């Protein structure tokens, strides 16, 4: 983070068209570096939700190294934990019954259990999972409360055609989502959504910057 801050400030010094954005990046990375070097950085829980193809795992992977005390937050991904529960490798394709409601409930329970243990050990956590239902969102927030940790819920939005294109283009990824899954998820009743909403069409650097601002509060 400190190196990124220096690079961003150097870019800002060039006074080009993107100087203002580069300076903002520099300040954000400098704050992150100072936070990471603090030995008493309090643990926090960030949940990244959204339908398949919104880029939850990509954003979570970008945020995790810069949250909490060094070496950063633990990144928990529902796709991977579901496959571990099934005794499969990350790239093994699961059968449809591995996505039955009871298996999904066990997967989310595992995510909450792992997150709780990490928080109790003083580690920050980023959990990425769809979290389509209000009770799932409430349950992950309750994990943070139980450990006295700060919580931020982020919800990624994107149009269905983009989601379908993204999942169809995936290769060597733990997700088994298909365009048909995207269509099915589009009929979910998401319910009242108190999490901060982000536009998943944004370039990753800008999306990460907006997410980091929300997390810092």
C-alpha atoms as a PDB file:
ATOM      1  CA  UNK A   1       0.000   0.000   0.000  1.00  0.00           C
ATOM      2  CA  UNK A   2       2.875   2.393   0.760  1.00  0.00           C
ATOM      3  CA  UNK A   3       4.454   1.713  -2.640  1.00  0.00           C
ATOM      4  CA  UNK A   4       1.119   2.247  -4.373  1.00  0.00           C
ATOM      5  CA  UNK A   5       0.727   5.525  -2.489  1.00  0.00           C
ATOM      6  CA  UNK A   6       4.137   6.734  -3.696  1.00  0.00           C
ATOM      7  CA  UNK A   7       3.364   5.785  -7.300  1.00  0.00           C
ATOM      8  CA  UNK A   8      -0.008   7.540  -7.147  1.00  0.00           C
ATOM      9  CA  UNK A   9       1.509  10.717  -5.678  1.00  0.00           C
ATOM     10  CA  UNK A  10       4.235  10.662  -8.354  1.00  0.00           C
ATOM     11  CA  UNK A  11       1.537  10.436 -11.028  1.00  0.00           C
ATOM     12  CA  UNK A  12      -0.356  13.306  -9.443  1.00  0.00           C
ATOM     13  CA  UNK A  13       2.825  15.408  -9.514  1.00  0.00           C
ATOM     14  CA  UNK A  14       2.865  15.129 -13.296  1.00  0.00           C
ATOM     15  CA  UNK A  15      -0.250  17.322 -13.318  1.00  0.00           C
ATOM     16  CA  UNK A  16      -1.855  15.350 -16.139  1.00  0.00           C
ATOM     17  CA  UNK A  17      -5.542  14.987 -16.844  1.00  0.00           C
ATOM     18  CA  UNK A  18      -5.844  12.310 -14.169  1.00  0.00           C
ATOM     19  CA  UNK A  19      -3.877  14.159 -11.497  1.00  0.00           C
ATOM     20  CA  UNK A  20      -6.856  14.604  -9.174  1.00  0.00           C
ATOM     21  CA  UNK A  21      -7.780  10.912  -9.321  1.00  0.00           C
ATOM     22  CA  UNK A  22      -4.146   9.897  -8.820  1.00  0.00           C
ATOM     23  CA  UNK A  23      -3.866  12.146  -5.772  1.00  0.00           C
ATOM     24  CA  UNK A  24      -7.057  10.632  -4.331  1.00  0.00           C
ATOM     25  CA  UNK A  25      -5.595   7.176  -4.891  1.00  0.00           C
ATOM     26  CA  UNK A  26      -2.399   8.245  -3.159  1.00  0.00           C
ATOM     27  CA  UNK A  27      -4.248   9.484  -0.081  1.00  0.00           C
ATOM     28  CA  UNK A  28      -6.313   6.292   0.087  1.00  0.00           C
ATOM     29  CA  UNK A  29      -3.254   4.048  -0.187  1.00  0.00           C
ATOM     30  CA  UNK A  30      -1.336   6.147   2.353  1.00  0.00           C
ATOM     31  CA  UNK A  31      -4.189   5.821   4.842  1.00  0.00           C
ATOM     32  CA  UNK A  32      -4.272   2.083   4.189  1.00  0.00           C
ATOM     33  CA  UNK A  33      -0.521   1.735   4.741  1.00  0.00           C
ATOM     34  CA  UNK A  34      -0.697   3.676   8.009  1.00  0.00           C
ATOM     35  CA  UNK A  35      -3.611   1.510   9.128  1.00  0.00           C
ATOM     36  CA  UNK A  36      -1.819  -1.740   8.258  1.00  0.00           C
ATOM     37  CA  UNK A  37       1.264  -0.690  10.189  1.00  0.00           C
ATOM     38  CA  UNK A  38      -0.809  -0.046  13.295  1.00  0.00           C
ATOM     39  CA  UNK A  39      -0.341  -3.041  15.629  1.00  0.00           C
ATOM     40  CA  UNK A  40      -3.760  -2.542  17.171  1.00  0.00           C
ATOM     41  CA  UNK A  41      -5.852  -2.238  13.993  1.00  0.00           C
ATOM     42  CA  UNK A  42      -9.257  -3.539  15.148  1.00  0.00           C
ATOM     43  CA  UNK A  43     -10.747  -6.495  13.273  1.00  0.00           C
ATOM     44  CA  UNK A  44     -13.722  -5.822  11.037  1.00  0.00           C
ATOM     45  CA  UNK A  45     -16.055  -7.849   8.844  1.00  0.00           C
ATOM     46  CA  UNK A  46     -16.915  -6.856   5.281  1.00  0.00           C
ATOM     47  CA  UNK A  47     -19.556  -8.811   3.366  1.00  0.00           C
ATOM     48  CA  UNK A  48     -19.658  -8.492  -0.424  1.00  0.00           C
ATOM     49  CA  UNK A  49     -22.973  -9.608  -1.907  1.00  0.00           C
ATOM     50  CA  UNK A  50     -24.633  -9.596  -5.299  1.00  0.00           C
ATOM     51  CA  UNK A  51     -25.833 -11.967  -7.972  1.00  0.00           C
ATOM     52  CA  UNK A  52     -23.476 -14.230  -9.898  1.00  0.00           C
ATOM     53  CA  UNK A  53     -21.240 -12.303 -12.272  1.00  0.00           C
ATOM     54  CA  UNK A  54     -21.235  -9.026 -10.352  1.00  0.00           C
ATOM     55  CA  UNK A  55     -17.571  -9.463  -9.434  1.00  0.00           C
ATOM     56  CA  UNK A  56     -17.875 -10.217  -5.726  1.00  0.00           C
ATOM     57  CA  UNK A  57     -14.739 -12.347  -5.548  1.00  0.00           C
ATOM     58  CA  UNK A  58     -12.715  -9.903  -7.638  1.00  0.00           C
ATOM     59  CA  UNK A  59     -13.623  -6.983  -5.387  1.00  0.00           C
ATOM     60  CA  UNK A  60     -13.165  -9.026  -2.201  1.00  0.00           C
ATOM     61  CA  UNK A  61      -9.697 -10.135  -3.321  1.00  0.00           C
ATOM     62  CA  UNK A  62      -8.765  -6.517  -3.964  1.00  0.00           C
ATOM     63  CA  UNK A  63     -10.039  -5.317  -0.586  1.00  0.00           C
ATOM     64  CA  UNK A  64      -8.729  -8.106   1.655  1.00  0.00           C
ATOM     65  CA  UNK A  65      -4.981  -7.273   1.622  1.00  0.00           C
ATOM     66  CA  UNK A  66      -5.701  -3.713   2.708  1.00  0.00           C
ATOM     67  CA  UNK A  67      -8.063  -4.386   5.627  1.00  0.00           C
ATOM     68  CA  UNK A  68      -7.136  -4.902   9.242  1.00  0.00           C
ATOM     69  CA  UNK A  69      -3.685  -5.534  10.623  1.00  0.00           C
ATOM     70  CA  UNK A  70      -0.997  -6.978   8.354  1.00  0.00           C
ATOM     71  CA  UNK A  71      -1.114  -9.249   6.379  1.00  0.00           C
ATOM     72  CA  UNK A  72      -4.683  -8.111   5.747  1.00  0.00           C
ATOM     73  CA  UNK A  73      -8.101  -9.716   5.985  1.00  0.00           C
ATOM     74  CA  UNK A  74      -9.048 -13.355   5.568  1.00  0.00           C
ATOM     75  CA  UNK A  75     -10.990 -13.789   2.310  1.00  0.00           C
ATOM     76  CA  UNK A  76     -13.800 -16.348   2.544  1.00  0.00           C
ATOM     77  CA  UNK A  77     -15.549 -17.306  -0.704  1.00  0.00           C
ATOM     78  CA  UNK A  78     -18.808 -19.253  -0.764  1.00  0.00           C
ATOM     79  CA  UNK A  79     -17.924 -21.062  -4.019  1.00  0.00           C
ATOM     80  CA  UNK A  80     -14.792 -22.521  -2.448  1.00  0.00           C
ATOM     81  CA  UNK A  81     -16.344 -23.392   0.918  1.00  0.00           C
ATOM     82  CA  UNK A  82     -19.257 -25.152  -0.811  1.00  0.00           C
ATOM     83  CA  UNK A  83     -16.799 -27.349  -2.695  1.00  0.00           C
ATOM     84  CA  UNK A  84     -14.791 -28.075   0.434  1.00  0.00           C
ATOM     85  CA  UNK A  85     -17.976 -29.230   2.152  1.00  0.00           C
ATOM     86  CA  UNK A  86     -18.554 -31.561  -0.805  1.00  0.00           C
ATOM     87  CA  UNK A  87     -14.985 -32.875  -0.651  1.00  0.00           C
ATOM     88  CA  UNK A  88     -14.201 -31.465  -4.099  1.00  0.00           C
ATOM     89  CA  UNK A  89     -11.401 -29.367  -5.515  1.00  0.00           C
ATOM     90  CA  UNK A  90     -11.931 -25.686  -6.267  1.00  0.00           C
ATOM     91  CA  UNK A  91     -12.230 -26.260 -10.022  1.00  0.00           C
ATOM     92  CA  UNK A  92     -14.358 -29.411  -9.835  1.00  0.00           C
ATOM     93  CA  UNK A  93     -17.863 -28.866 -11.162  1.00  0.00           C
ATOM     94  CA  UNK A  94     -20.566 -29.760  -8.642  1.00  0.00           C
ATOM     95  CA  UNK A  95     -23.836 -31.512  -9.511  1.00  0.00           C
ATOM     96  CA  UNK A  96     -27.109 -29.564  -9.228  1.00  0.00           C
ATOM     97  CA  UNK A  97     -28.004 -31.148  -5.882  1.00  0.00           C
ATOM     98  CA  UNK A  98     -24.925 -29.472  -4.356  1.00  0.00           C
ATOM     99  CA  UNK A  99     -26.845 -26.220  -4.788  1.00  0.00           C
ATOM    100  CA  UNK A 100     -29.970 -27.392  -2.989  1.00  0.00           C
ATOM    101  CA  UNK A 101     -31.240 -25.062  -0.237  1.00  0.00           C
ATOM    102  CA  UNK A 102     -29.971 -27.283   2.584  1.00  0.00           C
ATOM    103  CA  UNK A 103     -26.450 -27.348   1.113  1.00  0.00           C
ATOM    104  CA  UNK A 104     -26.521 -23.597   0.639  1.00  0.00           C
ATOM    105  CA  UNK A 105     -27.598 -23.192   4.274  1.00  0.00           C
ATOM    106  CA  UNK A 106     -24.656 -25.344   5.412  1.00  0.00           C
ATOM    107  CA  UNK A 107     -22.292 -23.357   3.211  1.00  0.00           C
ATOM    108  CA  UNK A 108     -23.413 -20.046   4.697  1.00  0.00           C
ATOM    109  CA  UNK A 109     -23.214 -21.485   8.208  1.00  0.00           C
ATOM    110  CA  UNK A 110     -19.633 -22.537   7.494  1.00  0.00           C
ATOM    111  CA  UNK A 111     -18.776 -19.052   6.239  1.00  0.00           C
ATOM    112  CA  UNK A 112     -20.191 -17.537   9.420  1.00  0.00           C
ATOM    113  CA  UNK A 113     -18.343 -20.024  11.610  1.00  0.00           C
ATOM    114  CA  UNK A 114     -15.016 -19.378   9.886  1.00  0.00           C
ATOM    115  CA  UNK A 115     -15.578 -15.624   9.993  1.00  0.00           C
ATOM    116  CA  UNK A 116     -16.379 -15.724  13.704  1.00  0.00           C
ATOM    117  CA  UNK A 117     -13.239 -17.686  14.515  1.00  0.00           C
ATOM    118  CA  UNK A 118     -11.065 -15.331  12.475  1.00  0.00           C
ATOM    119  CA  UNK A 119     -12.546 -12.249  14.142  1.00  0.00           C
ATOM    120  CA  UNK A 120     -12.055 -13.813  17.565  1.00  0.00           C
ATOM    121  CA  UNK A 121      -8.387 -14.286  16.667  1.00  0.00           C
ATOM    122  CA  UNK A 122      -8.076 -10.595  15.821  1.00  0.00           C
ATOM    123  CA  UNK A 123      -8.208 -10.951  12.027  1.00  0.00           C
ATOM    124  CA  UNK A 124     -10.401  -8.911   9.736  1.00  0.00           C
ATOM    125  CA  UNK A 125     -12.560 -10.873   7.294  1.00  0.00           C
ATOM    126  CA  UNK A 126     -14.052 -10.339   3.843  1.00  0.00           C
ATOM    127  CA  UNK A 127     -16.879 -12.745   3.002  1.00  0.00           C
ATOM    128  CA  UNK A 128     -18.083 -12.973  -0.580  1.00  0.00           C
ATOM    129  CA  UNK A 129     -21.339 -14.786  -1.246  1.00  0.00           C
ATOM    130  CA  UNK A 130     -24.602 -13.908  -2.993  1.00  0.00           C
ATOM    131  CA  UNK A 131     -26.476 -13.128   0.251  1.00  0.00           C
ATOM    132  CA  UNK A 132     -29.704 -12.815  -1.728  1.00  0.00           C
ATOM    133  CA  UNK A 133     -32.041 -13.308   1.227  1.00  0.00           C
ATOM    134  CA  UNK A 134     -32.553 -10.862   4.108  1.00  0.00           C
ATOM    135  CA  UNK A 135     -31.971 -13.553   6.737  1.00  0.00           C
ATOM    136  CA  UNK A 136     -28.578 -14.388   5.205  1.00  0.00           C
ATOM    137  CA  UNK A 137     -27.564 -10.737   5.312  1.00  0.00           C
ATOM    138  CA  UNK A 138     -28.788 -10.367   8.894  1.00  0.00           C
ATOM    139  CA  UNK A 139     -26.932 -13.504   9.966  1.00  0.00           C
ATOM    140  CA  UNK A 140     -23.544 -12.403   8.647  1.00  0.00           C
ATOM    141  CA  UNK A 141     -23.952  -8.975  10.260  1.00  0.00           C
ATOM    142  CA  UNK A 142     -24.743 -10.723  13.550  1.00  0.00           C
ATOM    143  CA  UNK A 143     -21.354 -12.474  13.424  1.00  0.00           C
ATOM    144  CA  UNK A 144     -19.626  -9.100  13.556  1.00  0.00           C
ATOM    145  CA  UNK A 145     -21.833  -7.904  16.422  1.00  0.00           C
ATOM    146  CA  UNK A 146     -21.124 -11.049  18.425  1.00  0.00           C
ATOM    147  CA  UNK A 147     -17.387 -10.357  18.176  1.00  0.00           C
ATOM    148  CA  UNK A 148     -17.661  -6.616  18.753  1.00  0.00           C
ATOM    149  CA  UNK A 149     -16.317  -5.958  15.258  1.00  0.00           C
ATOM    150  CA  UNK A 150     -17.310  -3.253  12.794  1.00  0.00           C
ATOM    151  CA  UNK A 151     -19.434  -4.453   9.877  1.00  0.00           C
ATOM    152  CA  UNK A 152     -19.881  -3.178   6.329  1.00  0.00           C
ATOM    153  CA  UNK A 153     -22.239  -4.782   3.820  1.00  0.00           C
ATOM    154  CA  UNK A 154     -21.601  -4.057   0.137  1.00  0.00           C
ATOM    155  CA  UNK A 155     -24.057  -5.030  -2.603  1.00  0.00           C
ATOM    156  CA  UNK A 156     -22.942  -5.122  -6.245  1.00  0.00           C
ATOM    157  CA  UNK A 157     -25.451  -4.287  -8.987  1.00  0.00           C
ATOM    158  CA  UNK A 158     -25.128  -4.908 -12.730  1.00  0.00           C
ATOM    159  CA  UNK A 159     -27.553  -5.470 -15.621  1.00  0.00           C
ATOM    160  CA  UNK A 160     -28.501  -9.060 -16.412  1.00  0.00           C
ATOM    161  CA  UNK A 161     -26.928  -9.074 -19.877  1.00  0.00           C
ATOM    162  CA  UNK A 162     -23.547  -8.155 -18.406  1.00  0.00           C
ATOM    163  CA  UNK A 163     -23.884 -10.837 -15.710  1.00  0.00           C
ATOM    164  CA  UNK A 164     -24.671 -13.490 -18.309  1.00  0.00           C
ATOM    165  CA  UNK A 165     -21.714 -12.444 -20.448  1.00  0.00           C
ATOM    166  CA  UNK A 166     -19.342 -12.510 -17.488  1.00  0.00           C
ATOM    167  CA  UNK A 167     -20.275 -15.965 -16.231  1.00  0.00           C
ATOM    168  CA  UNK A 168     -20.173 -17.371 -19.757  1.00  0.00           C
ATOM    169  CA  UNK A 169     -16.642 -16.022 -20.215  1.00  0.00           C
ATOM    170  CA  UNK A 170     -15.281 -17.534 -16.989  1.00  0.00           C
ATOM    171  CA  UNK A 171     -12.477 -20.059 -17.206  1.00  0.00           C
ATOM    172  CA  UNK A 172     -10.582 -21.842 -14.406  1.00  0.00           C
ATOM    173  CA  UNK A 173     -12.811 -20.379 -11.728  1.00  0.00           C
ATOM    174  CA  UNK A 174     -14.393 -21.915  -8.646  1.00  0.00           C
ATOM    175  CA  UNK A 175     -17.845 -20.636  -9.589  1.00  0.00           C
ATOM    176  CA  UNK A 176     -20.228 -23.045 -11.331  1.00  0.00           C
ATOM    177  CA  UNK A 177     -22.660 -20.268 -12.301  1.00  0.00           C
ATOM    178  CA  UNK A 178     -24.082 -20.290 -15.823  1.00  0.00           C
ATOM    179  CA  UNK A 179     -26.279 -17.825 -17.743  1.00  0.00           C
ATOM    180  CA  UNK A 180     -29.247 -19.971 -16.664  1.00  0.00           C
ATOM    181  CA  UNK A 181     -28.256 -19.473 -13.025  1.00  0.00           C
ATOM    182  CA  UNK A 182     -28.116 -15.720 -13.610  1.00  0.00           C
ATOM    183  CA  UNK A 183     -31.633 -15.792 -15.076  1.00  0.00           C
ATOM    184  CA  UNK A 184     -32.907 -17.789 -12.099  1.00  0.00           C
ATOM    185  CA  UNK A 185     -31.258 -15.440  -9.603  1.00  0.00           C
ATOM    186  CA  UNK A 186     -32.859 -12.501 -11.384  1.00  0.00           C
ATOM    187  CA  UNK A 187     -36.204 -13.750 -10.093  1.00  0.00           C
ATOM    188  CA  UNK A 188     -35.074 -13.757  -6.453  1.00  0.00           C
ATOM    189  CA  UNK A 189     -36.936 -11.620  -3.955  1.00  0.00           C
ATOM    190  CA  UNK A 190     -34.000  -9.696  -2.518  1.00  0.00           C
ATOM    191  CA  UNK A 191     -36.148  -7.925   0.056  1.00  0.00           C
ATOM    192  CA  UNK A 192     -35.166  -4.759   1.883  1.00  0.00           C
ATOM    193  CA  UNK A 193     -31.508  -4.044   1.214  1.00  0.00           C
ATOM    194  CA  UNK A 194     -29.691  -1.986   3.829  1.00  0.00           C
ATOM    195  CA  UNK A 195     -26.233  -2.685   2.416  1.00  0.00           C
ATOM    196  CA  UNK A 196     -24.416  -0.011   0.414  1.00  0.00           C
ATOM    197  CA  UNK A 197     -25.025  -0.491  -3.306  1.00  0.00           C
ATOM    198  CA  UNK A 198     -22.186  -0.232  -5.816  1.00  0.00           C
ATOM    199  CA  UNK A 199     -22.245  -0.206  -9.611  1.00  0.00           C
ATOM    200  CA  UNK A 200     -20.414  -3.370 -10.689  1.00  0.00           C
ATOM    201  CA  UNK A 201     -19.922  -1.937 -14.188  1.00  0.00           C
ATOM    202  CA  UNK A 202     -17.267   0.432 -12.846  1.00  0.00           C
ATOM    203  CA  UNK A 203     -13.583  -0.278 -13.551  1.00  0.00           C
ATOM    204  CA  UNK A 204     -12.089  -2.252 -10.666  1.00  0.00           C
ATOM    205  CA  UNK A 205      -9.820   0.576  -9.408  1.00  0.00           C
ATOM    206  CA  UNK A 206     -12.794   2.945  -9.102  1.00  0.00           C
ATOM    207  CA  UNK A 207     -15.017   0.241  -7.625  1.00  0.00           C
ATOM    208  CA  UNK A 208     -12.336  -0.595  -5.081  1.00  0.00           C
ATOM    209  CA  UNK A 209     -11.904   3.070  -4.223  1.00  0.00           C
ATOM    210  CA  UNK A 210     -15.627   3.526  -3.608  1.00  0.00           C
ATOM    211  CA  UNK A 211     -15.776   0.355  -1.521  1.00  0.00           C
ATOM    212  CA  UNK A 212     -12.787   1.421   0.578  1.00  0.00           C
ATOM    213  CA  UNK A 213     -14.424   4.792   1.248  1.00  0.00           C
ATOM    214  CA  UNK A 214     -17.604   3.086   2.448  1.00  0.00           C
ATOM    215  CA  UNK A 215     -15.630   0.731   4.683  1.00  0.00           C
ATOM    216  CA  UNK A 216     -13.691   3.575   6.264  1.00  0.00           C
ATOM    217  CA  UNK A 217     -17.031   5.275   6.923  1.00  0.00           C
END
